[in-house]
Amino acid sequence: MVVLPGDAVPQDALPTPTGKKKQLTLGPGLRHIPPATVASTIAGGLVTDPKKVAAYIESNSGRYLPTTGDLVVATVQTSTAEAFNCTLTPHTPYATLPHLAFEGATKKTRPQLAPNSLVYARVATATKDFAPELTCVDPSTGKSEGLGPLKSGMVFKISLGMARRLLAGSKGGVVLLEALGEKMGFEIAVGRNGVVVVDGGNVKSTLAIGKAIQEADGQALGEKAQKKLADRVLKSI
């Protein structure tokens, strides 16, 4: 279902809360208008998750708006006494990443990150009135859970829609990485802000994987076309 800004989403198109999950969770692109109207704030496709009783709007808009809980690839710009100032997208206000927002970090052991360092982080808070705050630890465990400084790899830009599909795993319909992973090893960090960092172990493999992701994104390739692309990439490296 495709919606435009201001469209009311029909109730029968949204997941129905049942059992312990008694509330519908609205993600990016949707807002609640009391008493019972759910409206779209952006143009795109309505995506629902019945298991999580959640819904959001899938959009390839070039502008990323930070949302609490998003995984992002942040670029360190400067450091203050308490935090790093990071960019999530060009020409947008800094997001703050506290020095102590890393696993096991203290004032003496906190990471020393130079300008242009990349960090895989999660948006801890995001409001209209204040700069987003990032974290590299899971608040429930205090562990990094894969977050932290990215010390290797190359950066590739992708659409926001492709980023969300990659982060959705098997539900996102992107079989390219799975097909490549059956034959070769690589690491990837996907940011909801349209940034992906690929480490294929060497420059040739890294470039091939990153460009393949961009090709699948730019040409909106289906699953069959993605598998053919994966075969082509594997033959070239």
C-alpha atoms as a PDB file:
ATOM      1  CA  MET A   1       0.000   0.000   0.000  1.00  0.00           C
ATOM      2  CA  VAL A   2       1.446   3.382  -1.065  1.00  0.00           C
ATOM      3  CA  VAL A   3       0.576   6.507   0.926  1.00  0.00           C
ATOM      4  CA  LEU A   4       1.193  10.231   0.583  1.00  0.00           C
ATOM      5  CA  PRO A   5       1.854  12.788   3.337  1.00  0.00           C
ATOM      6  CA  GLY A   6      -1.363  13.412   5.255  1.00  0.00           C
ATOM      7  CA  ASP A   7      -3.096  10.225   4.142  1.00  0.00           C
ATOM      8  CA  ALA A   8      -5.047   8.372   6.820  1.00  0.00           C
ATOM      9  CA  VAL A   9      -4.064   4.718   6.991  1.00  0.00           C
ATOM     10  CA  PRO A  10      -7.094   2.382   7.090  1.00  0.00           C
ATOM     11  CA  GLN A  11      -7.421   0.484  10.345  1.00  0.00           C
ATOM     12  CA  ASP A  12      -7.709  -2.840   8.506  1.00  0.00           C
ATOM     13  CA  ALA A  13      -4.274  -2.230   6.944  1.00  0.00           C
ATOM     14  CA  LEU A  14      -2.585  -2.075  10.369  1.00  0.00           C
ATOM     15  CA  PRO A  15      -1.706  -4.976  12.698  1.00  0.00           C
ATOM     16  CA  THR A  16      -4.233  -5.618  15.462  1.00  0.00           C
ATOM     17  CA  PRO A  17      -2.820  -5.776  19.016  1.00  0.00           C
ATOM     18  CA  THR A  18      -3.552  -9.083  20.746  1.00  0.00           C
ATOM     19  CA  GLY A  19      -2.488 -10.884  23.922  1.00  0.00           C
ATOM     20  CA  LYS A  20       0.245  -9.180  25.924  1.00  0.00           C
ATOM     21  CA  LYS A  21       1.012  -6.728  23.113  1.00  0.00           C
ATOM     22  CA  LYS A  22      -1.826  -4.263  23.635  1.00  0.00           C
ATOM     23  CA  GLN A  23      -0.472  -1.288  21.712  1.00  0.00           C
ATOM     24  CA  LEU A  24       0.397  -0.650  18.083  1.00  0.00           C
ATOM     25  CA  THR A  25       3.965   0.611  17.628  1.00  0.00           C
ATOM     26  CA  LEU A  26       4.308   3.344  14.991  1.00  0.00           C
ATOM     27  CA  GLY A  27       7.677   3.695  13.295  1.00  0.00           C
ATOM     28  CA  PRO A  28       9.146   6.370  10.999  1.00  0.00           C
ATOM     29  CA  GLY A  29       6.655   8.068   8.698  1.00  0.00           C
ATOM     30  CA  LEU A  30       3.540   7.482  10.809  1.00  0.00           C
ATOM     31  CA  ARG A  31       1.901   9.514  13.568  1.00  0.00           C
ATOM     32  CA  HIS A  32      -1.123   9.092  15.781  1.00  0.00           C
ATOM     33  CA  ILE A  33      -3.897  11.686  15.604  1.00  0.00           C
ATOM     34  CA  PRO A  34      -6.269  11.273  18.556  1.00  0.00           C
ATOM     35  CA  PRO A  35      -8.527   9.583  19.070  1.00  0.00           C
ATOM     36  CA  ALA A  36      -7.867   6.748  16.599  1.00  0.00           C
ATOM     37  CA  THR A  37      -6.418   8.050  13.326  1.00  0.00           C
ATOM     38  CA  VAL A  38      -3.014   6.968  12.030  1.00  0.00           C
ATOM     39  CA  ALA A  39      -1.656   9.257   9.324  1.00  0.00           C
ATOM     40  CA  SER A  40       1.409   9.239   7.091  1.00  0.00           C
ATOM     41  CA  THR A  41       3.914  12.079   7.347  1.00  0.00           C
ATOM     42  CA  ILE A  42       5.935  11.052   4.265  1.00  0.00           C
ATOM     43  CA  ALA A  43       5.326   9.376   0.921  1.00  0.00           C
ATOM     44  CA  GLY A  44       6.189   5.700   0.613  1.00  0.00           C
ATOM     45  CA  GLY A  45       5.048   2.144   1.107  1.00  0.00           C
ATOM     46  CA  LEU A  46       3.303   0.963   4.265  1.00  0.00           C
ATOM     47  CA  VAL A  47       5.222  -1.867   5.956  1.00  0.00           C
ATOM     48  CA  THR A  48       3.682  -3.877   8.791  1.00  0.00           C
ATOM     49  CA  ASP A  49       5.073  -6.442  11.219  1.00  0.00           C
ATOM     50  CA  PRO A  50       2.205  -8.442  12.774  1.00  0.00           C
ATOM     51  CA  LYS A  51       4.510 -10.232  15.246  1.00  0.00           C
ATOM     52  CA  LYS A  52       5.805  -6.975  16.717  1.00  0.00           C
ATOM     53  CA  VAL A  53       2.463  -5.219  16.122  1.00  0.00           C
ATOM     54  CA  ALA A  54       4.372  -2.438  14.376  1.00  0.00           C
ATOM     55  CA  ALA A  55       4.070  -0.363  11.219  1.00  0.00           C
ATOM     56  CA  TYR A  56       6.217   2.191   9.396  1.00  0.00           C
ATOM     57  CA  ILE A  57       6.577   3.877   6.009  1.00  0.00           C
ATOM     58  CA  GLU A  58       9.299   2.620   3.679  1.00  0.00           C
ATOM     59  CA  SER A  59      10.773   5.571   1.792  1.00  0.00           C
ATOM     60  CA  ASN A  60      13.835   6.213  -0.342  1.00  0.00           C
ATOM     61  CA  SER A  61      13.907   9.852   0.639  1.00  0.00           C
ATOM     62  CA  GLY A  62      17.415  11.265   0.594  1.00  0.00           C
ATOM     63  CA  ARG A  63      16.961  12.936   3.984  1.00  0.00           C
ATOM     64  CA  TYR A  64      17.550  10.843   7.065  1.00  0.00           C
ATOM     65  CA  LEU A  65      15.698  11.829  10.229  1.00  0.00           C
ATOM     66  CA  PRO A  66      17.201  10.238  13.375  1.00  0.00           C
ATOM     67  CA  THR A  67      14.802   7.962  15.242  1.00  0.00           C
ATOM     68  CA  THR A  68      15.403   6.445  18.654  1.00  0.00           C
ATOM     69  CA  GLY A  69      16.692   2.891  18.275  1.00  0.00           C
ATOM     70  CA  ASP A  70      18.135   3.307  14.776  1.00  0.00           C
ATOM     71  CA  LEU A  71      21.503   1.760  13.996  1.00  0.00           C
ATOM     72  CA  VAL A  72      23.725   4.319  12.267  1.00  0.00           C
ATOM     73  CA  VAL A  73      27.244   4.759  10.939  1.00  0.00           C
ATOM     74  CA  ALA A  74      28.488   8.016  12.468  1.00  0.00           C
ATOM     75  CA  THR A  75      31.535  10.032  11.458  1.00  0.00           C
ATOM     76  CA  VAL A  76      33.474  11.726  14.257  1.00  0.00           C
ATOM     77  CA  GLN A  77      34.168  15.406  13.586  1.00  0.00           C
ATOM     78  CA  THR A  78      35.328  16.936  16.871  1.00  0.00           C
ATOM     79  CA  SER A  79      35.629  16.064  20.540  1.00  0.00           C
ATOM     80  CA  THR A  80      34.578  18.055  23.586  1.00  0.00           C
ATOM     81  CA  ALA A  81      35.324  17.396  27.247  1.00  0.00           C
ATOM     82  CA  GLU A  82      32.397  14.983  27.550  1.00  0.00           C
ATOM     83  CA  ALA A  83      31.462  13.752  24.074  1.00  0.00           C
ATOM     84  CA  PHE A  84      32.319  13.327  20.424  1.00  0.00           C
ATOM     85  CA  ASN A  85      30.446  15.441  17.883  1.00  0.00           C
ATOM     86  CA  CYS A  86      29.455  13.212  14.959  1.00  0.00           C
ATOM     87  CA  THR A  87      27.722  13.631  11.633  1.00  0.00           C
ATOM     88  CA  LEU A  88      25.078  11.186  10.423  1.00  0.00           C
ATOM     89  CA  THR A  89      24.458  12.886   7.093  1.00  0.00           C
ATOM     90  CA  PRO A  90      26.083  15.875   5.368  1.00  0.00           C
ATOM     91  CA  HIS A  91      24.836  19.352   6.216  1.00  0.00           C
ATOM     92  CA  THR A  92      22.907  18.304   9.319  1.00  0.00           C
ATOM     93  CA  PRO A  93      23.491  19.209  12.989  1.00  0.00           C
ATOM     94  CA  TYR A  94      25.938  17.094  14.969  1.00  0.00           C
ATOM     95  CA  ALA A  95      24.848  14.085  16.960  1.00  0.00           C
ATOM     96  CA  THR A  96      26.594  13.639  20.315  1.00  0.00           C
ATOM     97  CA  LEU A  97      28.327  10.438  21.379  1.00  0.00           C
ATOM     98  CA  PRO A  98      29.354  10.561  25.061  1.00  0.00           C
ATOM     99  CA  HIS A  99      32.905   9.422  25.795  1.00  0.00           C
ATOM    100  CA  LEU A 100      31.553   6.918  28.300  1.00  0.00           C
ATOM    101  CA  ALA A 101      28.978   5.418  25.895  1.00  0.00           C
ATOM    102  CA  PHE A 102      31.278   2.499  25.052  1.00  0.00           C
ATOM    103  CA  GLU A 103      31.576  -0.908  26.692  1.00  0.00           C
ATOM    104  CA  GLY A 104      33.820  -0.692  29.764  1.00  0.00           C
ATOM    105  CA  ALA A 105      34.696   2.958  29.108  1.00  0.00           C
ATOM    106  CA  THR A 106      35.963   5.155  31.945  1.00  0.00           C
ATOM    107  CA  LYS A 107      37.614   8.559  31.896  1.00  0.00           C
ATOM    108  CA  LYS A 108      40.968   6.801  31.609  1.00  0.00           C
ATOM    109  CA  THR A 109      40.012   4.040  29.158  1.00  0.00           C
ATOM    110  CA  ARG A 110      37.580   5.837  26.840  1.00  0.00           C
ATOM    111  CA  PRO A 111      38.334   5.515  23.102  1.00  0.00           C
ATOM    112  CA  GLN A 112      40.559   8.102  21.482  1.00  0.00           C
ATOM    113  CA  LEU A 113      38.854   8.807  18.164  1.00  0.00           C
ATOM    114  CA  ALA A 114      40.431  11.083  15.597  1.00  0.00           C
ATOM    115  CA  PRO A 115      38.402  13.268  13.202  1.00  0.00           C
ATOM    116  CA  ASN A 116      36.793  11.226  10.383  1.00  0.00           C
ATOM    117  CA  SER A 117      36.812   8.032  12.488  1.00  0.00           C
ATOM    118  CA  LEU A 118      33.768   5.850  11.852  1.00  0.00           C
ATOM    119  CA  VAL A 119      31.600   4.484  14.650  1.00  0.00           C
ATOM    120  CA  TYR A 120      28.747   1.990  14.508  1.00  0.00           C
ATOM    121  CA  ALA A 121      26.215   3.272  17.007  1.00  0.00           C
ATOM    122  CA  ARG A 122      22.573   3.308  18.006  1.00  0.00           C
ATOM    123  CA  VAL A 123      20.426   6.420  18.394  1.00  0.00           C
ATOM    124  CA  ALA A 124      19.727   6.597  22.136  1.00  0.00           C
ATOM    125  CA  THR A 125      17.491   9.669  22.019  1.00  0.00           C
ATOM    126  CA  ALA A 126      16.103  11.778  19.198  1.00  0.00           C
ATOM    127  CA  THR A 127      13.812  14.766  19.677  1.00  0.00           C
ATOM    128  CA  LYS A 128      12.930  17.836  17.630  1.00  0.00           C
ATOM    129  CA  ASP A 129      14.409  20.261  20.142  1.00  0.00           C
ATOM    130  CA  PHE A 130      17.780  18.659  20.917  1.00  0.00           C
ATOM    131  CA  ALA A 131      20.643  17.055  19.017  1.00  0.00           C
ATOM    132  CA  PRO A 132      20.419  13.264  18.752  1.00  0.00           C
ATOM    133  CA  GLU A 133      22.473  11.326  21.295  1.00  0.00           C
ATOM    134  CA  LEU A 134      24.225   8.114  20.286  1.00  0.00           C
ATOM    135  CA  THR A 135      25.424   5.115  22.258  1.00  0.00           C
ATOM    136  CA  CYS A 136      27.626   2.104  21.584  1.00  0.00           C
ATOM    137  CA  VAL A 137      26.266  -0.100  24.373  1.00  0.00           C
ATOM    138  CA  ASP A 138      23.047  -2.006  24.928  1.00  0.00           C
ATOM    139  CA  PRO A 139      21.391  -0.278  27.917  1.00  0.00           C
ATOM    140  CA  SER A 140      20.028  -3.583  29.219  1.00  0.00           C
ATOM    141  CA  THR A 141      23.349  -5.453  29.194  1.00  0.00           C
ATOM    142  CA  GLY A 142      26.055  -2.771  29.148  1.00  0.00           C
ATOM    143  CA  LYS A 143      27.703  -4.710  26.321  1.00  0.00           C
ATOM    144  CA  SER A 144      28.660  -3.387  22.899  1.00  0.00           C
ATOM    145  CA  GLU A 145      26.636  -6.026  21.000  1.00  0.00           C
ATOM    146  CA  GLY A 146      28.707  -5.351  17.868  1.00  0.00           C
ATOM    147  CA  LEU A 147      28.703  -1.560  18.214  1.00  0.00           C
ATOM    148  CA  GLY A 148      31.787   0.632  18.492  1.00  0.00           C
ATOM    149  CA  PRO A 149      34.613   2.075  16.373  1.00  0.00           C
ATOM    150  CA  LEU A 150      34.917   0.681  12.836  1.00  0.00           C
ATOM    151  CA  LYS A 151      38.641   0.188  12.350  1.00  0.00           C
ATOM    152  CA  SER A 152      38.631  -1.211   8.801  1.00  0.00           C
ATOM    153  CA  GLY A 153      36.506  -1.330   5.664  1.00  0.00           C
ATOM    154  CA  MET A 154      35.274   1.087   3.025  1.00  0.00           C
ATOM    155  CA  VAL A 155      32.228   3.361   3.020  1.00  0.00           C
ATOM    156  CA  PHE A 156      29.453   3.078   0.439  1.00  0.00           C
ATOM    157  CA  LYS A 157      26.336   5.237   0.214  1.00  0.00           C
ATOM    158  CA  ILE A 158      22.955   3.575  -0.319  1.00  0.00           C
ATOM    159  CA  SER A 159      19.336   4.695  -0.270  1.00  0.00           C
ATOM    160  CA  LEU A 160      17.455   4.844   2.999  1.00  0.00           C
ATOM    161  CA  GLY A 161      15.077   2.196   1.711  1.00  0.00           C
ATOM    162  CA  MET A 162      17.934  -0.183   0.923  1.00  0.00           C
ATOM    163  CA  ALA A 163      19.422   0.416   4.371  1.00  0.00           C
ATOM    164  CA  ARG A 164      16.146  -0.538   6.032  1.00  0.00           C
ATOM    165  CA  ARG A 165      15.842  -3.643   3.842  1.00  0.00           C
ATOM    166  CA  LEU A 166      19.352  -4.775   4.745  1.00  0.00           C
ATOM    167  CA  LEU A 167      18.676  -4.251   8.441  1.00  0.00           C
ATOM    168  CA  ALA A 168      15.454  -6.249   8.150  1.00  0.00           C
ATOM    169  CA  GLY A 169      17.447  -9.392   7.335  1.00  0.00           C
ATOM    170  CA  SER A 170      15.563 -12.124   5.474  1.00  0.00           C
ATOM    171  CA  LYS A 171      12.353 -10.073   5.606  1.00  0.00           C
ATOM    172  CA  GLY A 172      13.972  -7.306   3.548  1.00  0.00           C
ATOM    173  CA  GLY A 173      14.178  -9.345   0.361  1.00  0.00           C
ATOM    174  CA  VAL A 174      17.909  -8.699  -0.135  1.00  0.00           C
ATOM    175  CA  VAL A 175      19.430 -12.102  -0.913  1.00  0.00           C
ATOM    176  CA  LEU A 176      22.636 -10.675  -2.393  1.00  0.00           C
ATOM    177  CA  LEU A 177      24.676 -10.786   0.811  1.00  0.00           C
ATOM    178  CA  GLU A 178      23.476 -14.267   1.699  1.00  0.00           C
ATOM    179  CA  ALA A 179      24.479 -15.529  -1.752  1.00  0.00           C
ATOM    180  CA  LEU A 180      27.905 -13.923  -1.462  1.00  0.00           C
ATOM    181  CA  GLY A 181      28.370 -15.175   2.096  1.00  0.00           C
ATOM    182  CA  GLU A 182      28.003 -18.793   0.983  1.00  0.00           C
ATOM    183  CA  LYS A 183      31.245 -18.517  -0.980  1.00  0.00           C
ATOM    184  CA  MET A 184      33.307 -15.811   0.737  1.00  0.00           C
ATOM    185  CA  GLY A 185      33.820 -14.127   4.086  1.00  0.00           C
ATOM    186  CA  PHE A 186      33.228 -10.448   4.748  1.00  0.00           C
ATOM    187  CA  GLU A 187      31.954  -8.073   7.413  1.00  0.00           C
ATOM    188  CA  ILE A 188      29.364  -5.377   6.942  1.00  0.00           C
ATOM    189  CA  ALA A 189      27.909  -2.591   9.089  1.00  0.00           C
ATOM    190  CA  VAL A 190      24.657  -1.081   7.836  1.00  0.00           C
ATOM    191  CA  GLY A 191      23.524   2.336   9.028  1.00  0.00           C
ATOM    192  CA  ARG A 192      19.897   3.421   8.818  1.00  0.00           C
ATOM    193  CA  ASN A 193      21.308   6.767   7.687  1.00  0.00           C
ATOM    194  CA  GLY A 194      22.156   5.317   4.266  1.00  0.00           C
ATOM    195  CA  VAL A 195      25.760   4.366   4.968  1.00  0.00           C
ATOM    196  CA  VAL A 196      27.212   0.871   4.719  1.00  0.00           C
ATOM    197  CA  VAL A 197      30.774  -0.097   5.670  1.00  0.00           C
ATOM    198  CA  VAL A 198      32.139  -3.214   3.962  1.00  0.00           C
ATOM    199  CA  ASP A 199      35.291  -5.151   4.852  1.00  0.00           C
ATOM    200  CA  GLY A 200      36.015  -7.953   2.400  1.00  0.00           C
ATOM    201  CA  GLY A 201      39.531  -8.632   3.645  1.00  0.00           C
ATOM    202  CA  ASN A 202      41.183  -6.940   0.674  1.00  0.00           C
ATOM    203  CA  VAL A 203      40.534  -3.925  -1.548  1.00  0.00           C
ATOM    204  CA  LYS A 204      39.304  -5.896  -4.585  1.00  0.00           C
ATOM    205  CA  SER A 205      36.748  -7.942  -2.657  1.00  0.00           C
ATOM    206  CA  THR A 206      35.603  -4.960  -0.619  1.00  0.00           C
ATOM    207  CA  LEU A 207      35.017  -2.835  -3.723  1.00  0.00           C
ATOM    208  CA  ALA A 208      33.219  -5.662  -5.505  1.00  0.00           C
ATOM    209  CA  ILE A 209      30.808  -6.258  -2.599  1.00  0.00           C
ATOM    210  CA  GLY A 210      30.148  -2.568  -1.983  1.00  0.00           C
ATOM    211  CA  LYS A 211      29.477  -1.804  -5.641  1.00  0.00           C
ATOM    212  CA  ALA A 212      27.228  -4.852  -5.917  1.00  0.00           C
ATOM    213  CA  ILE A 213      25.101  -3.547  -3.033  1.00  0.00           C
ATOM    214  CA  GLN A 214      24.869  -0.168  -4.741  1.00  0.00           C
ATOM    215  CA  GLU A 215      23.924  -1.818  -8.057  1.00  0.00           C
ATOM    216  CA  ALA A 216      21.181  -3.895  -6.446  1.00  0.00           C
ATOM    217  CA  ASP A 217      19.941  -0.723  -4.773  1.00  0.00           C
ATOM    218  CA  GLY A 218      20.127   1.625  -7.751  1.00  0.00           C
ATOM    219  CA  GLN A 219      18.520  -0.825 -10.189  1.00  0.00           C
ATOM    220  CA  ALA A 220      15.977  -2.174  -7.680  1.00  0.00           C
ATOM    221  CA  LEU A 221      16.994  -5.745  -8.498  1.00  0.00           C
ATOM    222  CA  GLY A 222      14.700  -8.608  -7.536  1.00  0.00           C
ATOM    223  CA  GLU A 223      15.881 -11.782  -5.838  1.00  0.00           C
ATOM    224  CA  LYS A 224      16.699 -13.649  -9.063  1.00  0.00           C
ATOM    225  CA  ALA A 225      18.673 -10.710 -10.433  1.00  0.00           C
ATOM    226  CA  GLN A 226      20.512 -10.386  -7.117  1.00  0.00           C
ATOM    227  CA  LYS A 227      21.601 -14.034  -7.285  1.00  0.00           C
ATOM    228  CA  LYS A 228      22.908 -13.510 -10.818  1.00  0.00           C
ATOM    229  CA  LEU A 229      24.757 -10.423  -9.624  1.00  0.00           C
ATOM    230  CA  ALA A 230      26.289 -12.436  -6.788  1.00  0.00           C
ATOM    231  CA  ASP A 231      27.508 -15.077  -9.260  1.00  0.00           C
ATOM    232  CA  ARG A 232      29.077 -12.333 -11.385  1.00  0.00           C
ATOM    233  CA  VAL A 233      30.824 -10.821  -8.368  1.00  0.00           C
ATOM    234  CA  LEU A 234      32.191 -14.197  -7.244  1.00  0.00           C
ATOM    235  CA  LYS A 235      33.619 -14.873 -10.694  1.00  0.00           C
ATOM    236  CA  SER A 236      35.349 -11.492 -10.761  1.00  0.00           C
ATOM    237  CA  ILE A 237      37.331 -11.882  -7.517  1.00  0.00           C
END
